[in-house]
Amino acid sequence: MGRSDTVLLSIRVVIAVVSLAVLLTGVRIAVTRRFPRPRLRLGRPPTGRRPQPVRVGGGVALVAASLLVQQAAQLLPVSRPVGIAMSLAALVIAIVGVGWFAVRRD
C-alpha cells in the first residue's frame, strides 16, 4: 500500500464521515421542521422567500445518503456485482433527492 493509496483512503473516510454528519443534520432539519440557528442574522427574508425546512432537509439528507452509499461501496470489501449495485443505488438515491427538492413545496 503506497502513499497515494493511503491519501485516497483517508480522503474517502473523511468524505464518508462528513456525508454522515450532513445526513444526520438533514434528517434533523426535516423532522424538527427548524433550521439550525444562524451565527449572524442580517434580517428575515419576506414570507414568500423563506425556505421550507422539510423540503431542504429531506433533499440534503437524500443526497448525503447517496454520497455515503457511494463511499461505502468503495471502502468496504464487497464483490464487484455488489459494489456496482451499491453505486447504482447511490445514483438512484441522488436522483430521488434532487426530485424531492424540486417537487416538494411545503
PDB file of N, CA and C in Angstrom:
ATOM      1  N   MET A   1       0.858  -1.179   0.000  1.00  0.00           N
ATOM      2  CA  MET A   1       0.000   0.000   0.000  1.00  0.00           C
ATOM      3  C   MET A   1       0.894   1.230   0.000  1.00  0.00           C
ATOM      4  N   GLY A   2       0.835   2.000  -1.074  1.00  0.00           N
ATOM      5  CA  GLY A   2       1.685   3.175  -1.211  1.00  0.00           C
ATOM      6  C   GLY A   2       1.091   4.397  -0.566  1.00  0.00           C
ATOM      7  N   ARG A   3       1.835   5.462  -0.668  1.00  0.00           N
ATOM      8  CA  ARG A   3       1.409   6.728  -0.075  1.00  0.00           C
ATOM      9  C   ARG A   3       0.149   7.255  -0.736  1.00  0.00           C
ATOM     10  N   SER A   4       0.039   7.118  -2.060  1.00  0.00           N
ATOM     11  CA  SER A   4      -1.152   7.626  -2.750  1.00  0.00           C
ATOM     12  C   SER A   4      -2.397   6.836  -2.351  1.00  0.00           C
ATOM     13  N   ASP A   5      -2.239   5.525  -2.097  1.00  0.00           N
ATOM     14  CA  ASP A   5      -3.373   4.733  -1.633  1.00  0.00           C
ATOM     15  C   ASP A   5      -3.836   5.172  -0.251  1.00  0.00           C
ATOM     16  N   THR A   6      -2.898   5.492   0.608  1.00  0.00           N
ATOM     17  CA  THR A   6      -3.236   5.946   1.959  1.00  0.00           C
ATOM     18  C   THR A   6      -3.952   7.294   1.915  1.00  0.00           C
ATOM     19  N   VAL A   7      -3.462   8.183   1.062  1.00  0.00           N
ATOM     20  CA  VAL A   7      -4.103   9.500   0.935  1.00  0.00           C
ATOM     21  C   VAL A   7      -5.517   9.352   0.386  1.00  0.00           C
ATOM     22  N   LEU A   8      -5.684   8.519  -0.634  1.00  0.00           N
ATOM     23  CA  LEU A   8      -7.009   8.306  -1.212  1.00  0.00           C
ATOM     24  C   LEU A   8      -7.967   7.676  -0.204  1.00  0.00           C
ATOM     25  N   LEU A   9      -7.471   6.723   0.561  1.00  0.00           N
ATOM     26  CA  LEU A   9      -8.299   6.090   1.589  1.00  0.00           C
ATOM     27  C   LEU A   9      -8.722   7.093   2.653  1.00  0.00           C
ATOM     28  N   SER A  10      -7.782   7.947   3.091  1.00  0.00           N
ATOM     29  CA  SER A  10      -8.154   8.931   4.113  1.00  0.00           C
ATOM     30  C   SER A  10      -9.122   9.969   3.567  1.00  0.00           C
ATOM     31  N   ILE A  11      -9.000  10.337   2.310  1.00  0.00           N
ATOM     32  CA  ILE A  11      -9.964  11.275   1.711  1.00  0.00           C
ATOM     33  C   ILE A  11     -11.343  10.630   1.668  1.00  0.00           C
ATOM     34  N   ARG A  12     -11.414   9.366   1.301  1.00  0.00           N
ATOM     35  CA  ARG A  12     -12.706   8.671   1.248  1.00  0.00           C
ATOM     36  C   ARG A  12     -13.333   8.545   2.630  1.00  0.00           C
ATOM     37  N   VAL A  13     -12.528   8.292   3.640  1.00  0.00           N
ATOM     38  CA  VAL A  13     -13.051   8.196   5.008  1.00  0.00           C
ATOM     39  C   VAL A  13     -13.586   9.554   5.464  1.00  0.00           C
ATOM     40  N   VAL A  14     -12.855  10.624   5.160  1.00  0.00           N
ATOM     41  CA  VAL A  14     -13.313  11.967   5.528  1.00  0.00           C
ATOM     42  C   VAL A  14     -14.626  12.288   4.811  1.00  0.00           C
ATOM     43  N   ILE A  15     -14.730  11.952   3.530  1.00  0.00           N
ATOM     44  CA  ILE A  15     -15.970  12.190   2.792  1.00  0.00           C
ATOM     45  C   ILE A  15     -17.123  11.398   3.414  1.00  0.00           C
ATOM     46  N   ALA A  16     -16.866  10.158   3.805  1.00  0.00           N
ATOM     47  CA  ALA A  16     -17.916   9.338   4.421  1.00  0.00           C
ATOM     48  C   ALA A  16     -18.371   9.920   5.757  1.00  0.00           C
ATOM     49  N   VAL A  17     -17.432  10.386   6.568  1.00  0.00           N
ATOM     50  CA  VAL A  17     -17.786  10.959   7.872  1.00  0.00           C
ATOM     51  C   VAL A  17     -18.569  12.264   7.695  1.00  0.00           C
ATOM     52  N   VAL A  18     -18.115  13.105   6.768  1.00  0.00           N
ATOM     53  CA  VAL A  18     -18.817  14.375   6.522  1.00  0.00           C
ATOM     54  C   VAL A  18     -20.214  14.109   5.961  1.00  0.00           C
ATOM     55  N   SER A  19     -20.341  13.152   5.050  1.00  0.00           N
ATOM     56  CA  SER A  19     -21.662  12.867   4.494  1.00  0.00           C
ATOM     57  C   SER A  19     -22.595  12.279   5.558  1.00  0.00           C
ATOM     58  N   LEU A  20     -22.056  11.507   6.502  1.00  0.00           N
ATOM     59  CA  LEU A  20     -22.880  11.014   7.601  1.00  0.00           C
ATOM     60  C   LEU A  20     -23.363  12.168   8.483  1.00  0.00           C
ATOM     61  N   ALA A  21     -22.484  13.131   8.753  1.00  0.00           N
ATOM     62  CA  ALA A  21     -22.879  14.300   9.551  1.00  0.00           C
ATOM     63  C   ALA A  21     -23.938  15.131   8.827  1.00  0.00           C
ATOM     64  N   VAL A  22     -23.775  15.314   7.522  1.00  0.00           N
ATOM     65  CA  VAL A  22     -24.756  16.073   6.742  1.00  0.00           C
ATOM     66  C   VAL A  22     -26.079  15.313   6.673  1.00  0.00           C
ATOM     67  N   LEU A  23     -26.016  13.997   6.556  1.00  0.00           N
ATOM     68  CA  LEU A  23     -27.225  13.179   6.554  1.00  0.00           C
ATOM     69  C   LEU A  23     -28.002  13.359   7.853  1.00  0.00           C
ATOM     70  N   LEU A  24     -27.312  13.290   8.973  1.00  0.00           N
ATOM     71  CA  LEU A  24     -27.976  13.463  10.271  1.00  0.00           C
ATOM     72  C   LEU A  24     -28.546  14.874  10.433  1.00  0.00           C
ATOM     73  N   THR A  25     -27.820  15.870   9.942  1.00  0.00           N
ATOM     74  CA  THR A  25     -28.317  17.247  10.003  1.00  0.00           C
ATOM     75  C   THR A  25     -29.566  17.415   9.139  1.00  0.00           C
ATOM     76  N   GLY A  26     -29.557  16.841   7.936  1.00  0.00           N
ATOM     77  CA  GLY A  26     -30.725  16.924   7.064  1.00  0.00           C
ATOM     78  C   GLY A  26     -31.946  16.255   7.656  1.00  0.00           C
ATOM     79  N   VAL A  27     -31.747  15.092   8.269  1.00  0.00           N
ATOM     80  CA  VAL A  27     -32.873  14.396   8.916  1.00  0.00           C
ATOM     81  C   VAL A  27     -33.390  15.223  10.090  1.00  0.00           C
ATOM     82  N   ARG A  28     -32.486  15.810  10.852  1.00  0.00           N
ATOM     83  CA  ARG A  28     -32.899  16.652  11.990  1.00  0.00           C
ATOM     84  C   ARG A  28     -33.709  17.853  11.517  1.00  0.00           C
ATOM     85  N   ILE A  29     -33.269  18.484  10.435  1.00  0.00           N
ATOM     86  CA  ILE A  29     -33.999  19.635   9.896  1.00  0.00           C
ATOM     87  C   ILE A  29     -35.386  19.212   9.417  1.00  0.00           C
ATOM     88  N   ALA A  30     -35.471  18.084   8.711  1.00  0.00           N
ATOM     89  CA  ALA A  30     -36.757  17.635   8.183  1.00  0.00           C
ATOM     90  C   ALA A  30     -37.720  17.210   9.289  1.00  0.00           C
ATOM     91  N   VAL A  31     -37.204  16.573  10.334  1.00  0.00           N
ATOM     92  CA  VAL A  31     -38.072  16.072  11.404  1.00  0.00           C
ATOM     93  C   VAL A  31     -38.530  17.198  12.320  1.00  0.00           C
ATOM     94  N   THR A  32     -37.613  18.061  12.731  1.00  0.00           N
ATOM     95  CA  THR A  32     -37.986  19.131  13.657  1.00  0.00           C
ATOM     96  C   THR A  32     -38.621  20.320  12.956  1.00  0.00           C
ATOM     97  N   ARG A  33     -38.478  20.386  11.626  1.00  0.00           N
ATOM     98  CA  ARG A  33     -39.003  21.495  10.816  1.00  0.00           C
ATOM     99  C   ARG A  33     -38.412  22.838  11.221  1.00  0.00           C
ATOM    100  N   ARG A  34     -37.157  22.797  11.675  1.00  0.00           N
ATOM    101  CA  ARG A  34     -36.443  24.025  12.037  1.00  0.00           C
ATOM    102  C   ARG A  34     -35.012  23.945  11.548  1.00  0.00           C
ATOM    103  N   PHE A  35     -34.513  25.054  11.059  1.00  0.00           N
ATOM    104  CA  PHE A  35     -33.120  25.146  10.664  1.00  0.00           C
ATOM    105  C   PHE A  35     -32.271  25.447  11.896  1.00  0.00           C
ATOM    106  N   PRO A  36     -31.000  25.061  11.882  1.00  0.00           N
ATOM    107  CA  PRO A  36     -30.123  25.462  12.990  1.00  0.00           C
ATOM    108  C   PRO A  36     -30.025  26.985  13.050  1.00  0.00           C
ATOM    109  N   ARG A  37     -29.822  27.509  14.226  1.00  0.00           N
ATOM    110  CA  ARG A  37     -29.732  28.965  14.379  1.00  0.00           C
ATOM    111  C   ARG A  37     -28.508  29.503  13.654  1.00  0.00           C
ATOM    112  N   PRO A  38     -28.686  30.534  12.873  1.00  0.00           N
ATOM    113  CA  PRO A  38     -27.523  31.132  12.210  1.00  0.00           C
ATOM    114  C   PRO A  38     -26.680  31.921  13.213  1.00  0.00           C
ATOM    115  N   ARG A  39     -25.401  31.941  12.976  1.00  0.00           N
ATOM    116  CA  ARG A  39     -24.499  32.688  13.856  1.00  0.00           C
ATOM    117  C   ARG A  39     -24.658  34.193  13.668  1.00  0.00           C
ATOM    118  N   LEU A  40     -24.953  34.592  12.453  1.00  0.00           N
ATOM    119  CA  LEU A  40     -25.078  36.009  12.132  1.00  0.00           C
ATOM    120  C   LEU A  40     -26.397  36.205  11.398  1.00  0.00           C
ATOM    121  N   ARG A  41     -27.277  36.968  11.952  1.00  0.00           N
ATOM    122  CA  ARG A  41     -28.575  37.204  11.318  1.00  0.00           C
ATOM    123  C   ARG A  41     -28.616  38.647  10.822  1.00  0.00           C
ATOM    124  N   LEU A  42     -28.762  38.774   9.511  1.00  0.00           N
ATOM    125  CA  LEU A  42     -28.797  40.101   8.898  1.00  0.00           C
ATOM    126  C   LEU A  42     -30.214  40.609   8.714  1.00  0.00           C
ATOM    127  N   GLY A  43     -31.193  39.763   8.844  1.00  0.00           N
ATOM    128  CA  GLY A  43     -32.584  40.154   8.681  1.00  0.00           C
ATOM    129  C   GLY A  43     -33.397  38.955   8.257  1.00  0.00           C
ATOM    130  N   ARG A  44     -34.684  39.075   8.339  1.00  0.00           N
ATOM    131  CA  ARG A  44     -35.551  37.963   7.940  1.00  0.00           C
ATOM    132  C   ARG A  44     -35.980  38.155   6.496  1.00  0.00           C
ATOM    133  N   PRO A  45     -35.967  37.075   5.724  1.00  0.00           N
ATOM    134  CA  PRO A  45     -36.468  37.194   4.353  1.00  0.00           C
ATOM    135  C   PRO A  45     -37.981  37.361   4.364  1.00  0.00           C
ATOM    136  N   PRO A  46     -38.551  37.903   3.298  1.00  0.00           N
ATOM    137  CA  PRO A  46     -40.006  38.032   3.228  1.00  0.00           C
ATOM    138  C   PRO A  46     -40.679  36.663   3.315  1.00  0.00           C
ATOM    139  N   THR A  47     -41.950  36.649   3.661  1.00  0.00           N
ATOM    140  CA  THR A  47     -42.671  35.401   3.896  1.00  0.00           C
ATOM    141  C   THR A  47     -42.627  34.471   2.689  1.00  0.00           C
ATOM    142  N   GLY A  48     -42.776  34.984   1.508  1.00  0.00           N
ATOM    143  CA  GLY A  48     -42.770  34.149   0.309  1.00  0.00           C
ATOM    144  C   GLY A  48     -41.401  33.597  -0.036  1.00  0.00           C
ATOM    145  N   ARG A  49     -40.333  34.160   0.514  1.00  0.00           N
ATOM    146  CA  ARG A  49     -38.974  33.739   0.177  1.00  0.00           C
ATOM    147  C   ARG A  49     -38.332  32.871   1.248  1.00  0.00           C
ATOM    148  N   ARG A  50     -39.040  32.547   2.301  1.00  0.00           N
ATOM    149  CA  ARG A  50     -38.470  31.718   3.363  1.00  0.00           C
ATOM    150  C   ARG A  50     -38.345  30.276   2.892  1.00  0.00           C
ATOM    151  N   PRO A  51     -37.237  29.637   3.187  1.00  0.00           N
ATOM    152  CA  PRO A  51     -37.066  28.240   2.747  1.00  0.00           C
ATOM    153  C   PRO A  51     -37.948  27.292   3.555  1.00  0.00           C
ATOM    154  N   GLN A  52     -38.293  26.198   2.930  1.00  0.00           N
ATOM    155  CA  GLN A  52     -39.122  25.198   3.581  1.00  0.00           C
ATOM    156  C   GLN A  52     -38.208  24.137   4.190  1.00  0.00           C
ATOM    157  N   PRO A  53     -38.242  23.948   5.513  1.00  0.00           N
ATOM    158  CA  PRO A  53     -37.300  23.034   6.154  1.00  0.00           C
ATOM    159  C   PRO A  53     -37.473  21.576   5.751  1.00  0.00           C
ATOM    160  N   VAL A  54     -38.697  21.104   5.537  1.00  0.00           N
ATOM    161  CA  VAL A  54     -38.887  19.707   5.158  1.00  0.00           C
ATOM    162  C   VAL A  54     -38.303  19.469   3.768  1.00  0.00           C
ATOM    163  N   ARG A  55     -38.528  20.399   2.884  1.00  0.00           N
ATOM    164  CA  ARG A  55     -38.010  20.290   1.523  1.00  0.00           C
ATOM    165  C   ARG A  55     -36.482  20.281   1.526  1.00  0.00           C
ATOM    166  N   VAL A  56     -35.900  21.236   2.198  1.00  0.00           N
ATOM    167  CA  VAL A  56     -34.444  21.357   2.220  1.00  0.00           C
ATOM    168  C   VAL A  56     -33.820  20.201   2.999  1.00  0.00           C
ATOM    169  N   GLY A  57     -34.347  19.893   4.179  1.00  0.00           N
ATOM    170  CA  GLY A  57     -33.789  18.824   4.999  1.00  0.00           C
ATOM    171  C   GLY A  57     -33.866  17.463   4.328  1.00  0.00           C
ATOM    172  N   GLY A  58     -34.990  17.166   3.709  1.00  0.00           N
ATOM    173  CA  GLY A  58     -35.141  15.884   3.016  1.00  0.00           C
ATOM    174  C   GLY A  58     -34.218  15.769   1.825  1.00  0.00           C
ATOM    175  N   GLY A  59     -34.115  16.840   1.046  1.00  0.00           N
ATOM    176  CA  GLY A  59     -33.219  16.824  -0.111  1.00  0.00           C
ATOM    177  C   GLY A  59     -31.767  16.665   0.291  1.00  0.00           C
ATOM    178  N   VAL A  60     -31.359  17.393   1.309  1.00  0.00           N
ATOM    179  CA  VAL A  60     -29.977  17.295   1.796  1.00  0.00           C
ATOM    180  C   VAL A  60     -29.699  15.901   2.348  1.00  0.00           C
ATOM    181  N   ALA A  61     -30.644  15.346   3.100  1.00  0.00           N
ATOM    182  CA  ALA A  61     -30.449  14.013   3.678  1.00  0.00           C
ATOM    183  C   ALA A  61     -30.336  12.946   2.592  1.00  0.00           C
ATOM    184  N   LEU A  62     -31.144  13.042   1.552  1.00  0.00           N
ATOM    185  CA  LEU A  62     -31.087  12.039   0.489  1.00  0.00           C
ATOM    186  C   LEU A  62     -29.799  12.137  -0.318  1.00  0.00           C
ATOM    187  N   VAL A  63     -29.358  13.333  -0.627  1.00  0.00           N
ATOM    188  CA  VAL A  63     -28.112  13.475  -1.378  1.00  0.00           C
ATOM    189  C   VAL A  63     -26.921  13.026  -0.523  1.00  0.00           C
ATOM    190  N   ALA A  64     -26.933  13.329   0.768  1.00  0.00           N
ATOM    191  CA  ALA A  64     -25.861  12.862   1.657  1.00  0.00           C
ATOM    192  C   ALA A  64     -25.887  11.349   1.797  1.00  0.00           C
ATOM    193  N   ALA A  65     -27.068  10.750   1.835  1.00  0.00           N
ATOM    194  CA  ALA A  65     -27.167   9.290   1.889  1.00  0.00           C
ATOM    195  C   ALA A  65     -26.600   8.671   0.619  1.00  0.00           C
ATOM    196  N   SER A  66     -26.849   9.308  -0.502  1.00  0.00           N
ATOM    197  CA  SER A  66     -26.284   8.833  -1.763  1.00  0.00           C
ATOM    198  C   SER A  66     -24.766   8.843  -1.724  1.00  0.00           C
ATOM    199  N   LEU A  67     -24.201   9.917  -1.242  1.00  0.00           N
ATOM    200  CA  LEU A  67     -22.745  10.013  -1.146  1.00  0.00           C
ATOM    201  C   LEU A  67     -22.190   8.993  -0.154  1.00  0.00           C
ATOM    202  N   LEU A  68     -22.900   8.762   0.931  1.00  0.00           N
ATOM    203  CA  LEU A  68     -22.451   7.783   1.921  1.00  0.00           C
ATOM    204  C   LEU A  68     -22.470   6.364   1.351  1.00  0.00           C
ATOM    205  N   VAL A  69     -23.516   6.014   0.604  1.00  0.00           N
ATOM    206  CA  VAL A  69     -23.585   4.686  -0.016  1.00  0.00           C
ATOM    207  C   VAL A  69     -22.481   4.528  -1.056  1.00  0.00           C
ATOM    208  N   GLN A  70     -22.229   5.568  -1.801  1.00  0.00           N
ATOM    209  CA  GLN A  70     -21.174   5.520  -2.812  1.00  0.00           C
ATOM    210  C   GLN A  70     -19.812   5.295  -2.166  1.00  0.00           C
ATOM    211  N   GLN A  71     -19.525   5.994  -1.090  1.00  0.00           N
ATOM    212  CA  GLN A  71     -18.242   5.821  -0.415  1.00  0.00           C
ATOM    213  C   GLN A  71     -18.159   4.456   0.271  1.00  0.00           C
ATOM    214  N   ALA A  72     -19.276   3.970   0.793  1.00  0.00           N
ATOM    215  CA  ALA A  72     -19.278   2.647   1.429  1.00  0.00           C
ATOM    216  C   ALA A  72     -18.975   1.564   0.402  1.00  0.00           C
ATOM    217  N   ALA A  73     -19.450   1.740  -0.817  1.00  0.00           N
ATOM    218  CA  ALA A  73     -19.158   0.767  -1.878  1.00  0.00           C
ATOM    219  C   ALA A  73     -17.670   0.725  -2.189  1.00  0.00           C
ATOM    220  N   GLN A  74     -16.978   1.839  -2.003  1.00  0.00           N
ATOM    221  CA  GLN A  74     -15.543   1.881  -2.272  1.00  0.00           C
ATOM    222  C   GLN A  74     -14.716   1.447  -1.064  1.00  0.00           C
ATOM    223  N   LEU A  75     -15.203   1.703   0.133  1.00  0.00           N
ATOM    224  CA  LEU A  75     -14.428   1.424   1.341  1.00  0.00           C
ATOM    225  C   LEU A  75     -14.573  -0.010   1.846  1.00  0.00           C
ATOM    226  N   LEU A  76     -15.750  -0.573   1.730  1.00  0.00           N
ATOM    227  CA  LEU A  76     -15.993  -1.916   2.260  1.00  0.00           C
ATOM    228  C   LEU A  76     -15.554  -2.978   1.257  1.00  0.00           C
ATOM    229  N   PRO A  77     -15.033  -4.078   1.759  1.00  0.00           N
ATOM    230  CA  PRO A  77     -14.642  -5.151   0.845  1.00  0.00           C
ATOM    231  C   PRO A  77     -15.866  -5.955   0.381  1.00  0.00           C
ATOM    232  N   VAL A  78     -16.393  -5.603  -0.768  1.00  0.00           N
ATOM    233  CA  VAL A  78     -17.557  -6.295  -1.326  1.00  0.00           C
ATOM    234  C   VAL A  78     -17.185  -6.820  -2.713  1.00  0.00           C
ATOM    235  N   SER A  79     -17.971  -7.769  -3.190  1.00  0.00           N
ATOM    236  CA  SER A  79     -17.718  -8.293  -4.524  1.00  0.00           C
ATOM    237  C   SER A  79     -18.082  -7.240  -5.576  1.00  0.00           C
ATOM    238  N   ARG A  80     -17.603  -7.454  -6.773  1.00  0.00           N
ATOM    239  CA  ARG A  80     -17.825  -6.475  -7.837  1.00  0.00           C
ATOM    240  C   ARG A  80     -19.313  -6.252  -8.137  1.00  0.00           C
ATOM    241  N   PRO A  81     -20.138  -7.305  -8.264  1.00  0.00           N
ATOM    242  CA  PRO A  81     -21.564  -7.055  -8.531  1.00  0.00           C
ATOM    243  C   PRO A  81     -22.256  -6.276  -7.404  1.00  0.00           C
ATOM    244  N   VAL A  82     -21.887  -6.557  -6.165  1.00  0.00           N
ATOM    245  CA  VAL A  82     -22.477  -5.830  -5.035  1.00  0.00           C
ATOM    246  C   VAL A  82     -22.037  -4.370  -5.064  1.00  0.00           C
ATOM    247  N   GLY A  83     -20.770  -4.119  -5.384  1.00  0.00           N
ATOM    248  CA  GLY A  83     -20.277  -2.746  -5.495  1.00  0.00           C
ATOM    249  C   GLY A  83     -20.986  -1.975  -6.589  1.00  0.00           C
ATOM    250  N   ILE A  84     -21.220  -2.636  -7.724  1.00  0.00           N
ATOM    251  CA  ILE A  84     -21.943  -1.986  -8.821  1.00  0.00           C
ATOM    252  C   ILE A  84     -23.382  -1.707  -8.406  1.00  0.00           C
ATOM    253  N   ALA A  85     -24.008  -2.658  -7.721  1.00  0.00           N
ATOM    254  CA  ALA A  85     -25.385  -2.448  -7.251  1.00  0.00           C
ATOM    255  C   ALA A  85     -25.455  -1.296  -6.251  1.00  0.00           C
ATOM    256  N   MET A  86     -24.458  -1.199  -5.376  1.00  0.00           N
ATOM    257  CA  MET A  86     -24.437  -0.088  -4.412  1.00  0.00           C
ATOM    258  C   MET A  86     -24.233   1.249  -5.122  1.00  0.00           C
ATOM    259  N   SER A  87     -23.401   1.271  -6.138  1.00  0.00           N
ATOM    260  CA  SER A  87     -23.194   2.503  -6.900  1.00  0.00           C
ATOM    261  C   SER A  87     -24.469   2.909  -7.639  1.00  0.00           C
ATOM    262  N   LEU A  88     -25.165   1.943  -8.212  1.00  0.00           N
ATOM    263  CA  LEU A  88     -26.435   2.249  -8.874  1.00  0.00           C
ATOM    264  C   LEU A  88     -27.486   2.712  -7.868  1.00  0.00           C
ATOM    265  N   ALA A  89     -27.496   2.109  -6.689  1.00  0.00           N
ATOM    266  CA  ALA A  89     -28.423   2.553  -5.642  1.00  0.00           C
ATOM    267  C   ALA A  89     -28.105   3.987  -5.224  1.00  0.00           C
ATOM    268  N   ALA A  90     -26.813   4.323  -5.148  1.00  0.00           N
ATOM    269  CA  ALA A  90     -26.416   5.693  -4.806  1.00  0.00           C
ATOM    270  C   ALA A  90     -26.899   6.669  -5.872  1.00  0.00           C
ATOM    271  N   LEU A  91     -26.809   6.261  -7.141  1.00  0.00           N
ATOM    272  CA  LEU A  91     -27.293   7.123  -8.224  1.00  0.00           C
ATOM    273  C   LEU A  91     -28.799   7.334  -8.128  1.00  0.00           C
ATOM    274  N   VAL A  92     -29.532   6.269  -7.851  1.00  0.00           N
ATOM    275  CA  VAL A  92     -30.990   6.375  -7.716  1.00  0.00           C
ATOM    276  C   VAL A  92     -31.359   7.266  -6.525  1.00  0.00           C
ATOM    277  N   ILE A  93     -30.661   7.110  -5.410  1.00  0.00           N
ATOM    278  CA  ILE A  93     -30.939   7.939  -4.237  1.00  0.00           C
ATOM    279  C   ILE A  93     -30.650   9.408  -4.535  1.00  0.00           C
ATOM    280  N   ALA A  94     -29.577   9.685  -5.277  1.00  0.00           N
ATOM    281  CA  ALA A  94     -29.269  11.073  -5.642  1.00  0.00           C
ATOM    282  C   ALA A  94     -30.358  11.666  -6.532  1.00  0.00           C
ATOM    283  N   ILE A  95     -30.849  10.885  -7.478  1.00  0.00           N
ATOM    284  CA  ILE A  95     -31.916  11.369  -8.358  1.00  0.00           C
ATOM    285  C   ILE A  95     -33.191  11.620  -7.552  1.00  0.00           C
ATOM    286  N   VAL A  96     -33.503  10.720  -6.625  1.00  0.00           N
ATOM    287  CA  VAL A  96     -34.680  10.908  -5.766  1.00  0.00           C
ATOM    288  C   VAL A  96     -34.512  12.156  -4.899  1.00  0.00           C
ATOM    289  N   GLY A  97     -33.296  12.396  -4.391  1.00  0.00           N
ATOM    290  CA  GLY A  97     -33.041  13.586  -3.577  1.00  0.00           C
ATOM    291  C   GLY A  97     -33.244  14.875  -4.349  1.00  0.00           C
ATOM    292  N   VAL A  98     -32.755  14.909  -5.577  1.00  0.00           N
ATOM    293  CA  VAL A  98     -32.954  16.101  -6.411  1.00  0.00           C
ATOM    294  C   VAL A  98     -34.428  16.255  -6.756  1.00  0.00           C
ATOM    295  N   GLY A  99     -35.108  15.139  -7.050  1.00  0.00           N
ATOM    296  CA  GLY A  99     -36.548  15.189  -7.324  1.00  0.00           C
ATOM    297  C   GLY A  99     -37.337  15.653  -6.121  1.00  0.00           C
ATOM    298  N   TRP A 100     -36.961  15.179  -4.937  1.00  0.00           N
ATOM    299  CA  TRP A 100     -37.617  15.608  -3.696  1.00  0.00           C
ATOM    300  C   TRP A 100     -37.518  17.124  -3.563  1.00  0.00           C
ATOM    301  N   PHE A 101     -36.309  17.648  -3.770  1.00  0.00           N
ATOM    302  CA  PHE A 101     -36.111  19.089  -3.611  1.00  0.00           C
ATOM    303  C   PHE A 101     -36.877  19.865  -4.681  1.00  0.00           C
ATOM    304  N   ALA A 102     -36.955  19.345  -5.886  1.00  0.00           N
ATOM    305  CA  ALA A 102     -37.619  20.060  -6.986  1.00  0.00           C
ATOM    306  C   ALA A 102     -39.140  20.021  -6.865  1.00  0.00           C
ATOM    307  N   VAL A 103     -39.698  18.898  -6.434  1.00  0.00           N
ATOM    308  CA  VAL A 103     -41.151  18.726  -6.438  1.00  0.00           C
ATOM    309  C   VAL A 103     -41.793  19.170  -5.132  1.00  0.00           C
ATOM    310  N   ARG A 104     -41.155  18.925  -4.025  1.00  0.00           N
ATOM    311  CA  ARG A 104     -41.738  19.211  -2.704  1.00  0.00           C
ATOM    312  C   ARG A 104     -41.922  20.714  -2.506  1.00  0.00           C
ATOM    313  N   ARG A 105     -43.081  21.135  -2.040  1.00  0.00           N
ATOM    314  CA  ARG A 105     -43.356  22.565  -1.853  1.00  0.00           C
ATOM    315  C   ARG A 105     -43.985  22.875  -0.510  1.00  0.00           C
ATOM    316  N   ASP A 106     -43.433  22.317   0.571  1.00  0.00           N
ATOM    317  CA  ASP A 106     -44.006  22.673   1.885  1.00  0.00           C
ATOM    318  C   ASP A 106     -42.950  23.111   2.858  1.00  0.00           C
TER     319      ASP A 106
END
